[in-house]
Amino acid sequence: MASPPDDAWIRSHQRLLPQSQSLVSSHRSVIPVAISRVNQFDAARLDVEMSAMLKEQLVKVFTLMKPGMLFQYEPELDAFLEFLIWRFSIWVDKPTPGNALMNLRYRDERRLAQHLGKVRTGLEGPGLTAPQKICYCLASVGGQYLFSRLQSFSAFRTWGDSDQRPLARRLWTVIQRIEGIYKAASFLNLLSFLYTGRYRNLIENALRARLVYRSPHMNRSVSFEYMNRQLVWNEFSELLLLLLPLLNSSAVKSILSPFAKDKSSSTKEDTVTCPICLVDPAIPFIALPCHHRYG
């Protein structure tokens, strides 16, 4: 007859039982979520359009100033507008204008494991932390501003010319290599985004800031009816511009000429010559009230 288990064995298994149950429940609470890639791309495009609209309105304020003066500070103006959008959206835990229209928000994927027990639809999760928000601003706003300023400065100083100093030429080569590496990494990130649907750009990938739906029952606030109509007309106009040069203009005129002639033109041709001498008059006279011409 087997001996009953001792108290130490029972207490150890009682401690392990809640842990195993919590692990099972946490694994069961992980719900895969598929976010539309089109929505994420549209949100980025809408943010760009919003920034362009704000820039257009701000430029109108300086229309009475010296021409060309605002062009010198265009990178600073773009950075200022991007900072304003970041300050009143991401920094205060609100979506950007494009994300709001597409029903999207940022979620911290690194801290998602701490909130697995609270997941019900797969869209729950914590927002970005303060360090993540600051890094997002430094990378998107500051990084873009510094790189654009560095490019304009190097192009103005002609660092890329062969007759420049070796240091300037070397710096130009480094800038070009950094830009090439960034474009290659962005392309690889784009391929990964098209495959997985996560992290549109390198900044989101580095910060593990994923776009998820704000509400599972909310549709997009953008109607594509006008856009579809505009695309149809654009394609139709491009088709006409492609086919019209291929048509023979003389053949078209010969086909349409019978329909273009009228009786007035024929009577006009008949009354050009003089009815007396049957010669075209050099200085024709018109008789009233019949309007016949004679020379």
C-alpha atoms as a PDB file:
ATOM      1  CA  MET A   1       0.000   0.000   0.000  1.00  0.00           C
ATOM      2  CA  ALA A   2       1.427   3.399  -1.107  1.00  0.00           C
ATOM      3  CA  SER A   3       2.277   5.883   1.594  1.00  0.00           C
ATOM      4  CA  PRO A   4       0.430   9.238   1.566  1.00  0.00           C
ATOM      5  CA  PRO A   5       2.435  12.297   0.386  1.00  0.00           C
ATOM      6  CA  ASP A   6       4.112  14.322   3.067  1.00  0.00           C
ATOM      7  CA  ASP A   7       3.315  17.931   3.953  1.00  0.00           C
ATOM      8  CA  ALA A   8       6.391  19.424   2.207  1.00  0.00           C
ATOM      9  CA  TRP A   9       5.436  17.844  -1.116  1.00  0.00           C
ATOM     10  CA  ILE A  10       1.858  19.146  -0.839  1.00  0.00           C
ATOM     11  CA  ARG A  11       2.988  22.685  -0.008  1.00  0.00           C
ATOM     12  CA  SER A  12       5.430  22.782  -2.950  1.00  0.00           C
ATOM     13  CA  HIS A  13       2.767  21.669  -5.390  1.00  0.00           C
ATOM     14  CA  GLN A  14       0.316  24.162  -3.977  1.00  0.00           C
ATOM     15  CA  ARG A  15       2.817  26.933  -4.703  1.00  0.00           C
ATOM     16  CA  LEU A  16       3.380  25.697  -8.259  1.00  0.00           C
ATOM     17  CA  LEU A  17      -0.317  25.363  -9.070  1.00  0.00           C
ATOM     18  CA  PRO A  18      -1.187  29.114  -9.171  1.00  0.00           C
ATOM     19  CA  GLN A  19       1.904  29.796 -11.292  1.00  0.00           C
ATOM     20  CA  SER A  20       0.941  27.158 -13.838  1.00  0.00           C
ATOM     21  CA  GLN A  21      -2.623  28.408 -13.930  1.00  0.00           C
ATOM     22  CA  SER A  22      -1.466  31.992 -14.478  1.00  0.00           C
ATOM     23  CA  LEU A  23       0.829  30.863 -17.302  1.00  0.00           C
ATOM     24  CA  VAL A  24      -1.978  28.961 -18.977  1.00  0.00           C
ATOM     25  CA  SER A  25      -4.358  31.906 -18.661  1.00  0.00           C
ATOM     26  CA  SER A  26      -1.741  34.316 -19.979  1.00  0.00           C
ATOM     27  CA  HIS A  27      -1.057  32.123 -22.989  1.00  0.00           C
ATOM     28  CA  ARG A  28      -4.753  31.854 -23.654  1.00  0.00           C
ATOM     29  CA  SER A  29      -5.182  35.647 -23.432  1.00  0.00           C
ATOM     30  CA  VAL A  30      -2.736  36.341 -26.276  1.00  0.00           C
ATOM     31  CA  ILE A  31      -4.930  37.267 -29.254  1.00  0.00           C
ATOM     32  CA  PRO A  32      -3.279  37.932 -32.620  1.00  0.00           C
ATOM     33  CA  VAL A  33      -4.433  41.212 -34.150  1.00  0.00           C
ATOM     34  CA  ALA A  34      -4.232  42.120 -37.843  1.00  0.00           C
ATOM     35  CA  ILE A  35      -4.161  45.859 -38.519  1.00  0.00           C
ATOM     36  CA  SER A  36      -4.899  47.017 -42.045  1.00  0.00           C
ATOM     37  CA  ARG A  37      -1.738  48.123 -43.818  1.00  0.00           C
ATOM     38  CA  VAL A  38      -3.752  50.484 -46.004  1.00  0.00           C
ATOM     39  CA  ASN A  39      -5.078  52.251 -42.917  1.00  0.00           C
ATOM     40  CA  GLN A  40      -1.572  52.742 -41.579  1.00  0.00           C
ATOM     41  CA  PHE A  41      -0.258  54.110 -44.878  1.00  0.00           C
ATOM     42  CA  ASP A  42      -3.290  56.373 -45.226  1.00  0.00           C
ATOM     43  CA  ALA A  43      -2.724  57.704 -41.702  1.00  0.00           C
ATOM     44  CA  ALA A  44       0.867  58.631 -42.560  1.00  0.00           C
ATOM     45  CA  ARG A  45      -0.268  60.306 -45.762  1.00  0.00           C
ATOM     46  CA  LEU A  46      -2.954  62.281 -43.959  1.00  0.00           C
ATOM     47  CA  ASP A  47      -0.387  63.495 -41.428  1.00  0.00           C
ATOM     48  CA  VAL A  48       1.772  64.763 -44.285  1.00  0.00           C
ATOM     49  CA  GLU A  49      -1.200  66.519 -45.858  1.00  0.00           C
ATOM     50  CA  MET A  50      -2.115  68.096 -42.521  1.00  0.00           C
ATOM     51  CA  SER A  51       1.413  69.414 -42.074  1.00  0.00           C
ATOM     52  CA  ALA A  52       1.346  70.829 -45.619  1.00  0.00           C
ATOM     53  CA  MET A  53      -1.964  72.610 -44.940  1.00  0.00           C
ATOM     54  CA  LEU A  54      -0.599  74.158 -41.744  1.00  0.00           C
ATOM     55  CA  LYS A  55       2.539  75.235 -43.581  1.00  0.00           C
ATOM     56  CA  GLU A  56       0.480  76.850 -46.334  1.00  0.00           C
ATOM     57  CA  GLN A  57      -1.531  78.835 -43.811  1.00  0.00           C
ATOM     58  CA  LEU A  58       1.601  79.877 -41.946  1.00  0.00           C
ATOM     59  CA  VAL A  59       3.346  81.013 -45.122  1.00  0.00           C
ATOM     60  CA  LYS A  60       0.422  83.325 -45.907  1.00  0.00           C
ATOM     61  CA  VAL A  61       1.202  85.237 -42.717  1.00  0.00           C
ATOM     62  CA  PHE A  62       4.626  86.217 -44.116  1.00  0.00           C
ATOM     63  CA  THR A  63       3.451  87.228 -47.600  1.00  0.00           C
ATOM     64  CA  LEU A  64       4.195  90.923 -46.933  1.00  0.00           C
ATOM     65  CA  MET A  65       7.754  90.245 -45.866  1.00  0.00           C
ATOM     66  CA  LYS A  66      10.846  90.273 -48.055  1.00  0.00           C
ATOM     67  CA  PRO A  67      10.568  87.675 -50.856  1.00  0.00           C
ATOM     68  CA  GLY A  68      12.835  84.695 -50.371  1.00  0.00           C
ATOM     69  CA  MET A  69      13.477  85.319 -46.696  1.00  0.00           C
ATOM     70  CA  LEU A  70      11.144  82.539 -45.559  1.00  0.00           C
ATOM     71  CA  PHE A  71      12.799  80.096 -47.959  1.00  0.00           C
ATOM     72  CA  GLN A  72      16.025  80.288 -45.944  1.00  0.00           C
ATOM     73  CA  TYR A  73      14.240  79.040 -42.835  1.00  0.00           C
ATOM     74  CA  GLU A  74      12.072  76.375 -44.467  1.00  0.00           C
ATOM     75  CA  PRO A  75      13.665  73.457 -42.527  1.00  0.00           C
ATOM     76  CA  GLU A  76      13.048  75.293 -39.255  1.00  0.00           C
ATOM     77  CA  LEU A  77       9.448  75.942 -40.262  1.00  0.00           C
ATOM     78  CA  ASP A  78       8.856  72.264 -41.107  1.00  0.00           C
ATOM     79  CA  ALA A  79      10.445  71.180 -37.830  1.00  0.00           C
ATOM     80  CA  PHE A  80       8.310  73.648 -35.878  1.00  0.00           C
ATOM     81  CA  LEU A  81       5.090  72.340 -37.432  1.00  0.00           C
ATOM     82  CA  GLU A  82       6.084  68.719 -36.851  1.00  0.00           C
ATOM     83  CA  PHE A  83       6.898  69.559 -33.244  1.00  0.00           C
ATOM     84  CA  LEU A  84       3.484  71.163 -32.755  1.00  0.00           C
ATOM     85  CA  ILE A  85       1.740  68.067 -34.126  1.00  0.00           C
ATOM     86  CA  TRP A  86       3.836  65.843 -31.848  1.00  0.00           C
ATOM     87  CA  ARG A  87       3.281  68.078 -28.808  1.00  0.00           C
ATOM     88  CA  PHE A  88      -0.509  68.102 -29.026  1.00  0.00           C
ATOM     89  CA  SER A  89      -0.951  64.487 -30.118  1.00  0.00           C
ATOM     90  CA  ILE A  90       1.654  61.897 -29.134  1.00  0.00           C
ATOM     91  CA  TRP A  91       2.975  63.710 -26.052  1.00  0.00           C
ATOM     92  CA  VAL A  92      -0.489  63.954 -24.474  1.00  0.00           C
ATOM     93  CA  ASP A  93      -1.391  60.334 -25.356  1.00  0.00           C
ATOM     94  CA  LYS A  94      -3.605  61.308 -28.254  1.00  0.00           C
ATOM     95  CA  PRO A  95      -3.416  60.090 -31.856  1.00  0.00           C
ATOM     96  CA  THR A  96      -2.112  62.236 -34.657  1.00  0.00           C
ATOM     97  CA  PRO A  97      -4.720  63.690 -37.054  1.00  0.00           C
ATOM     98  CA  GLY A  98      -4.123  60.895 -39.557  1.00  0.00           C
ATOM     99  CA  ASN A  99      -4.262  58.191 -36.898  1.00  0.00           C
ATOM    100  CA  ALA A 100      -7.468  59.668 -35.466  1.00  0.00           C
ATOM    101  CA  LEU A 101      -9.146  59.566 -38.864  1.00  0.00           C
ATOM    102  CA  MET A 102      -8.022  55.977 -39.400  1.00  0.00           C
ATOM    103  CA  ASN A 103      -9.030  54.875 -35.860  1.00  0.00           C
ATOM    104  CA  LEU A 104      -5.442  54.091 -34.836  1.00  0.00           C
ATOM    105  CA  ARG A 105      -3.271  54.659 -31.785  1.00  0.00           C
ATOM    106  CA  TYR A 106       0.234  53.740 -30.631  1.00  0.00           C
ATOM    107  CA  ARG A 107       0.791  50.801 -28.287  1.00  0.00           C
ATOM    108  CA  ASP A 108       3.983  49.840 -26.470  1.00  0.00           C
ATOM    109  CA  GLU A 109       4.730  46.251 -27.484  1.00  0.00           C
ATOM    110  CA  ARG A 110       7.500  45.895 -24.894  1.00  0.00           C
ATOM    111  CA  ARG A 111       5.115  46.304 -21.958  1.00  0.00           C
ATOM    112  CA  LEU A 112       2.326  44.282 -23.512  1.00  0.00           C
ATOM    113  CA  ALA A 113       3.407  41.130 -21.638  1.00  0.00           C
ATOM    114  CA  GLN A 114       2.614  42.855 -18.338  1.00  0.00           C
ATOM    115  CA  HIS A 115      -1.013  43.400 -19.382  1.00  0.00           C
ATOM    116  CA  LEU A 116      -1.831  40.015 -20.902  1.00  0.00           C
ATOM    117  CA  GLY A 117      -4.392  39.250 -18.226  1.00  0.00           C
ATOM    118  CA  LYS A 118      -6.378  42.367 -19.202  1.00  0.00           C
ATOM    119  CA  VAL A 119      -6.511  41.580 -22.923  1.00  0.00           C
ATOM    120  CA  ARG A 120     -10.010  40.886 -24.225  1.00  0.00           C
ATOM    121  CA  THR A 121     -10.047  41.878 -27.894  1.00  0.00           C
ATOM    122  CA  GLY A 122      -6.311  41.991 -28.617  1.00  0.00           C
ATOM    123  CA  LEU A 123      -6.351  45.785 -28.979  1.00  0.00           C
ATOM    124  CA  GLU A 124      -5.724  46.585 -25.331  1.00  0.00           C
ATOM    125  CA  GLY A 125      -2.309  47.571 -24.128  1.00  0.00           C
ATOM    126  CA  PRO A 126      -0.339  50.444 -22.657  1.00  0.00           C
ATOM    127  CA  GLY A 127       0.513  53.551 -24.586  1.00  0.00           C
ATOM    128  CA  LEU A 128       3.967  54.959 -25.137  1.00  0.00           C
ATOM    129  CA  THR A 129       6.098  55.932 -22.175  1.00  0.00           C
ATOM    130  CA  ALA A 130       7.633  59.379 -21.740  1.00  0.00           C
ATOM    131  CA  PRO A 131      11.123  58.248 -22.885  1.00  0.00           C
ATOM    132  CA  GLN A 132       9.572  56.672 -25.965  1.00  0.00           C
ATOM    133  CA  LYS A 133       7.717  59.884 -26.793  1.00  0.00           C
ATOM    134  CA  ILE A 134      10.864  61.968 -26.390  1.00  0.00           C
ATOM    135  CA  CYS A 135      12.879  59.569 -28.538  1.00  0.00           C
ATOM    136  CA  TYR A 136      10.145  59.663 -31.155  1.00  0.00           C
ATOM    137  CA  CYS A 137      10.334  63.463 -31.255  1.00  0.00           C
ATOM    138  CA  LEU A 138      14.125  63.511 -31.403  1.00  0.00           C
ATOM    139  CA  ALA A 139      14.232  60.935 -34.199  1.00  0.00           C
ATOM    140  CA  SER A 140      11.331  62.161 -36.344  1.00  0.00           C
ATOM    141  CA  VAL A 141      11.541  65.920 -35.836  1.00  0.00           C
ATOM    142  CA  GLY A 142      15.140  66.542 -34.801  1.00  0.00           C
ATOM    143  CA  GLY A 143      16.706  63.878 -37.005  1.00  0.00           C
ATOM    144  CA  GLN A 144      14.868  65.023 -40.105  1.00  0.00           C
ATOM    145  CA  TYR A 145      15.744  68.670 -39.432  1.00  0.00           C
ATOM    146  CA  LEU A 146      19.438  67.994 -38.830  1.00  0.00           C
ATOM    147  CA  PHE A 147      19.778  65.827 -41.906  1.00  0.00           C
ATOM    148  CA  SER A 148      18.037  68.347 -44.171  1.00  0.00           C
ATOM    149  CA  ARG A 149      20.198  71.174 -42.809  1.00  0.00           C
ATOM    150  CA  LEU A 150      23.354  69.115 -43.237  1.00  0.00           C
ATOM    151  CA  GLN A 151      22.435  68.276 -46.813  1.00  0.00           C
ATOM    152  CA  SER A 152      21.693  71.888 -47.748  1.00  0.00           C
ATOM    153  CA  PHE A 153      24.875  73.126 -46.047  1.00  0.00           C
ATOM    154  CA  SER A 154      27.068  70.525 -47.761  1.00  0.00           C
ATOM    155  CA  ALA A 155      25.494  71.251 -51.139  1.00  0.00           C
ATOM    156  CA  PHE A 156      25.968  75.014 -50.658  1.00  0.00           C
ATOM    157  CA  ARG A 157      29.609  74.521 -49.667  1.00  0.00           C
ATOM    158  CA  THR A 158      30.097  72.094 -52.607  1.00  0.00           C
ATOM    159  CA  TRP A 159      31.647  69.375 -50.467  1.00  0.00           C
ATOM    160  CA  GLY A 160      31.098  66.864 -53.233  1.00  0.00           C
ATOM    161  CA  ASP A 161      33.424  68.577 -55.726  1.00  0.00           C
ATOM    162  CA  SER A 162      36.705  66.848 -56.416  1.00  0.00           C
ATOM    163  CA  ASP A 163      38.746  70.033 -55.910  1.00  0.00           C
ATOM    164  CA  GLN A 164      37.572  70.459 -52.325  1.00  0.00           C
ATOM    165  CA  ARG A 165      39.634  69.719 -49.249  1.00  0.00           C
ATOM    166  CA  PRO A 166      40.075  66.035 -48.362  1.00  0.00           C
ATOM    167  CA  LEU A 167      38.153  66.471 -45.096  1.00  0.00           C
ATOM    168  CA  ALA A 168      35.125  68.026 -46.831  1.00  0.00           C
ATOM    169  CA  ARG A 169      35.214  65.362 -49.529  1.00  0.00           C
ATOM    170  CA  ARG A 170      35.391  62.639 -46.876  1.00  0.00           C
ATOM    171  CA  LEU A 171      32.452  64.122 -44.964  1.00  0.00           C
ATOM    172  CA  TRP A 172      30.410  64.233 -48.174  1.00  0.00           C
ATOM    173  CA  THR A 173      31.169  60.562 -48.793  1.00  0.00           C
ATOM    174  CA  VAL A 174      30.132  59.682 -45.231  1.00  0.00           C
ATOM    175  CA  ILE A 175      26.834  61.562 -45.646  1.00  0.00           C
ATOM    176  CA  GLN A 176      26.085  59.741 -48.877  1.00  0.00           C
ATOM    177  CA  ARG A 177      26.855  56.372 -47.300  1.00  0.00           C
ATOM    178  CA  ILE A 178      24.663  57.096 -44.277  1.00  0.00           C
ATOM    179  CA  GLU A 179      21.825  58.093 -46.581  1.00  0.00           C
ATOM    180  CA  GLY A 180      22.279  54.903 -48.613  1.00  0.00           C
ATOM    181  CA  ILE A 181      22.291  52.724 -45.505  1.00  0.00           C
ATOM    182  CA  TYR A 182      19.171  54.462 -44.191  1.00  0.00           C
ATOM    183  CA  LYS A 183      17.327  53.958 -47.477  1.00  0.00           C
ATOM    184  CA  ALA A 184      18.321  50.284 -47.591  1.00  0.00           C
ATOM    185  CA  ALA A 185      17.181  49.754 -44.007  1.00  0.00           C
ATOM    186  CA  SER A 186      13.911  51.573 -44.745  1.00  0.00           C
ATOM    187  CA  PHE A 187      13.338  49.316 -47.737  1.00  0.00           C
ATOM    188  CA  LEU A 188      13.914  46.190 -45.663  1.00  0.00           C
ATOM    189  CA  ASN A 189      11.601  47.552 -42.980  1.00  0.00           C
ATOM    190  CA  LEU A 190       8.970  48.185 -45.655  1.00  0.00           C
ATOM    191  CA  LEU A 191       9.192  44.576 -46.811  1.00  0.00           C
ATOM    192  CA  SER A 192       8.835  43.433 -43.205  1.00  0.00           C
ATOM    193  CA  PHE A 193       5.849  45.734 -42.736  1.00  0.00           C
ATOM    194  CA  LEU A 194       4.120  44.395 -45.840  1.00  0.00           C
ATOM    195  CA  TYR A 195       4.641  40.861 -44.562  1.00  0.00           C
ATOM    196  CA  THR A 196       3.765  41.291 -40.862  1.00  0.00           C
ATOM    197  CA  GLY A 197       1.717  44.521 -40.802  1.00  0.00           C
ATOM    198  CA  ARG A 198       3.787  46.009 -37.970  1.00  0.00           C
ATOM    199  CA  TYR A 199       6.008  49.107 -37.727  1.00  0.00           C
ATOM    200  CA  ARG A 200       5.671  51.348 -40.775  1.00  0.00           C
ATOM    201  CA  ASN A 201       9.104  52.926 -40.398  1.00  0.00           C
ATOM    202  CA  LEU A 202      12.406  52.432 -38.622  1.00  0.00           C
ATOM    203  CA  ILE A 203      11.477  54.742 -35.738  1.00  0.00           C
ATOM    204  CA  GLU A 204       8.426  52.694 -34.821  1.00  0.00           C
ATOM    205  CA  ASN A 205      10.442  49.496 -35.168  1.00  0.00           C
ATOM    206  CA  ALA A 206      13.218  50.746 -32.896  1.00  0.00           C
ATOM    207  CA  LEU A 207      10.799  52.014 -30.245  1.00  0.00           C
ATOM    208  CA  ARG A 208       8.457  48.995 -30.574  1.00  0.00           C
ATOM    209  CA  ALA A 209       5.564  51.409 -31.060  1.00  0.00           C
ATOM    210  CA  ARG A 210       2.864  49.550 -32.922  1.00  0.00           C
ATOM    211  CA  LEU A 211      -0.296  51.036 -34.395  1.00  0.00           C
ATOM    212  CA  VAL A 212      -3.497  49.300 -33.279  1.00  0.00           C
ATOM    213  CA  TYR A 213      -7.161  50.200 -33.523  1.00  0.00           C
ATOM    214  CA  ARG A 214      -8.471  52.585 -30.880  1.00  0.00           C
ATOM    215  CA  SER A 215     -11.901  50.992 -30.895  1.00  0.00           C
ATOM    216  CA  PRO A 216     -12.816  47.595 -32.365  1.00  0.00           C
ATOM    217  CA  HIS A 217     -16.258  48.857 -33.428  1.00  0.00           C
ATOM    218  CA  MET A 218     -15.271  52.145 -35.024  1.00  0.00           C
ATOM    219  CA  ASN A 219     -14.929  52.532 -38.769  1.00  0.00           C
ATOM    220  CA  ARG A 220     -12.637  54.840 -40.646  1.00  0.00           C
ATOM    221  CA  SER A 221     -13.741  58.482 -40.751  1.00  0.00           C
ATOM    222  CA  VAL A 222     -12.531  59.010 -44.319  1.00  0.00           C
ATOM    223  CA  SER A 223     -14.764  58.470 -47.332  1.00  0.00           C
ATOM    224  CA  PHE A 224     -13.001  57.491 -50.544  1.00  0.00           C
ATOM    225  CA  GLU A 225     -15.935  58.302 -52.840  1.00  0.00           C
ATOM    226  CA  TYR A 226     -14.451  61.585 -54.025  1.00  0.00           C
ATOM    227  CA  MET A 227     -11.012  60.015 -54.340  1.00  0.00           C
ATOM    228  CA  ASN A 228     -12.356  57.189 -56.488  1.00  0.00           C
ATOM    229  CA  ARG A 229     -14.131  59.671 -58.744  1.00  0.00           C
ATOM    230  CA  GLN A 230     -10.973  61.716 -59.065  1.00  0.00           C
ATOM    231  CA  LEU A 231      -8.937  58.631 -59.948  1.00  0.00           C
ATOM    232  CA  VAL A 232     -11.434  57.683 -62.671  1.00  0.00           C
ATOM    233  CA  TRP A 233     -11.262  61.118 -64.278  1.00  0.00           C
ATOM    234  CA  ASN A 234      -7.484  61.183 -64.072  1.00  0.00           C
ATOM    235  CA  GLU A 235      -7.216  57.809 -65.774  1.00  0.00           C
ATOM    236  CA  PHE A 236      -9.706  58.878 -68.444  1.00  0.00           C
ATOM    237  CA  SER A 237      -7.794  62.083 -69.188  1.00  0.00           C
ATOM    238  CA  GLU A 238      -4.495  60.197 -69.373  1.00  0.00           C
ATOM    239  CA  LEU A 239      -6.087  57.742 -71.814  1.00  0.00           C
ATOM    240  CA  LEU A 240      -7.229  60.601 -74.039  1.00  0.00           C
ATOM    241  CA  LEU A 241      -3.791  62.210 -73.936  1.00  0.00           C
ATOM    242  CA  LEU A 242      -2.319  58.888 -75.006  1.00  0.00           C
ATOM    243  CA  LEU A 243      -4.748  58.190 -77.853  1.00  0.00           C
ATOM    244  CA  LEU A 244      -5.154  61.655 -79.380  1.00  0.00           C
ATOM    245  CA  PRO A 245      -1.588  61.898 -80.790  1.00  0.00           C
ATOM    246  CA  LEU A 246      -2.042  58.483 -82.398  1.00  0.00           C
ATOM    247  CA  LEU A 247      -5.087  59.592 -84.405  1.00  0.00           C
ATOM    248  CA  ASN A 248      -4.595  60.919 -87.955  1.00  0.00           C
ATOM    249  CA  SER A 249      -5.823  64.499 -87.927  1.00  0.00           C
ATOM    250  CA  SER A 250      -6.405  64.651 -91.696  1.00  0.00           C
ATOM    251  CA  ALA A 251      -8.488  61.476 -91.653  1.00  0.00           C
ATOM    252  CA  VAL A 252     -10.560  62.813 -88.778  1.00  0.00           C
ATOM    253  CA  LYS A 253     -11.125  66.093 -90.606  1.00  0.00           C
ATOM    254  CA  SER A 254     -12.201  64.294 -93.773  1.00  0.00           C
ATOM    255  CA  ILE A 255     -14.705  62.256 -91.753  1.00  0.00           C
ATOM    256  CA  LEU A 256     -16.089  65.268 -89.919  1.00  0.00           C
ATOM    257  CA  SER A 257     -16.042  67.697 -92.865  1.00  0.00           C
ATOM    258  CA  PRO A 258     -19.450  66.610 -94.345  1.00  0.00           C
ATOM    259  CA  PHE A 259     -21.082  67.299 -91.022  1.00  0.00           C
ATOM    260  CA  ALA A 260     -19.318  70.630 -90.589  1.00  0.00           C
ATOM    261  CA  LYS A 261     -20.488  72.166 -93.929  1.00  0.00           C
ATOM    262  CA  ASP A 262     -23.688  74.155 -93.997  1.00  0.00           C
ATOM    263  CA  LYS A 263     -25.667  76.095 -96.523  1.00  0.00           C
ATOM    264  CA  SER A 264     -24.282  79.426 -95.458  1.00  0.00           C
ATOM    265  CA  SER A 265     -20.759  78.420 -96.449  1.00  0.00           C
ATOM    266  CA  SER A 266     -21.896  77.223 -99.892  1.00  0.00           C
ATOM    267  CA  THR A 267     -23.852  80.405-100.575  1.00  0.00           C
ATOM    268  CA  LYS A 268     -20.871  82.423 -99.434  1.00  0.00           C
ATOM    269  CA  GLU A 269     -18.607  80.632-101.907  1.00  0.00           C
ATOM    270  CA  ASP A 270     -21.130  81.193-104.704  1.00  0.00           C
ATOM    271  CA  THR A 271     -21.333  84.917-104.106  1.00  0.00           C
ATOM    272  CA  VAL A 272     -17.588  85.552-104.000  1.00  0.00           C
ATOM    273  CA  THR A 273     -17.211  86.044-107.792  1.00  0.00           C
ATOM    274  CA  CYS A 274     -18.706  88.968-109.689  1.00  0.00           C
ATOM    275  CA  PRO A 275     -21.996  87.965-111.390  1.00  0.00           C
ATOM    276  CA  ILE A 276     -21.276  90.264-114.375  1.00  0.00           C
ATOM    277  CA  CYS A 277     -17.658  89.578-115.391  1.00  0.00           C
ATOM    278  CA  LEU A 278     -17.292  86.273-113.489  1.00  0.00           C
ATOM    279  CA  VAL A 279     -13.973  87.409-111.986  1.00  0.00           C
ATOM    280  CA  ASP A 280     -13.028  87.667-108.332  1.00  0.00           C
ATOM    281  CA  PRO A 281     -13.329  91.371-107.476  1.00  0.00           C
ATOM    282  CA  ALA A 282     -10.269  93.131-106.122  1.00  0.00           C
ATOM    283  CA  ILE A 283     -12.403  95.714-104.317  1.00  0.00           C
ATOM    284  CA  PRO A 284     -15.826  94.132-103.994  1.00  0.00           C
ATOM    285  CA  PHE A 285     -18.971  96.157-103.527  1.00  0.00           C
ATOM    286  CA  ILE A 286     -22.096  94.878-101.842  1.00  0.00           C
ATOM    287  CA  ALA A 287     -25.465  95.833-103.233  1.00  0.00           C
ATOM    288  CA  LEU A 288     -28.274  96.620-100.868  1.00  0.00           C
ATOM    289  CA  PRO A 289     -30.616  95.168 -99.844  1.00  0.00           C
ATOM    290  CA  CYS A 290     -29.755  91.869-101.611  1.00  0.00           C
ATOM    291  CA  HIS A 291     -26.048  91.827-100.427  1.00  0.00           C
ATOM    292  CA  HIS A 292     -24.778  90.601-103.816  1.00  0.00           C
ATOM    293  CA  ARG A 293     -21.116  91.308-104.523  1.00  0.00           C
ATOM    294  CA  TYR A 294     -19.797  92.836-107.735  1.00  0.00           C
ATOM    295  CA  GLY A 295     -16.539  94.447-108.844  1.00  0.00           C
END
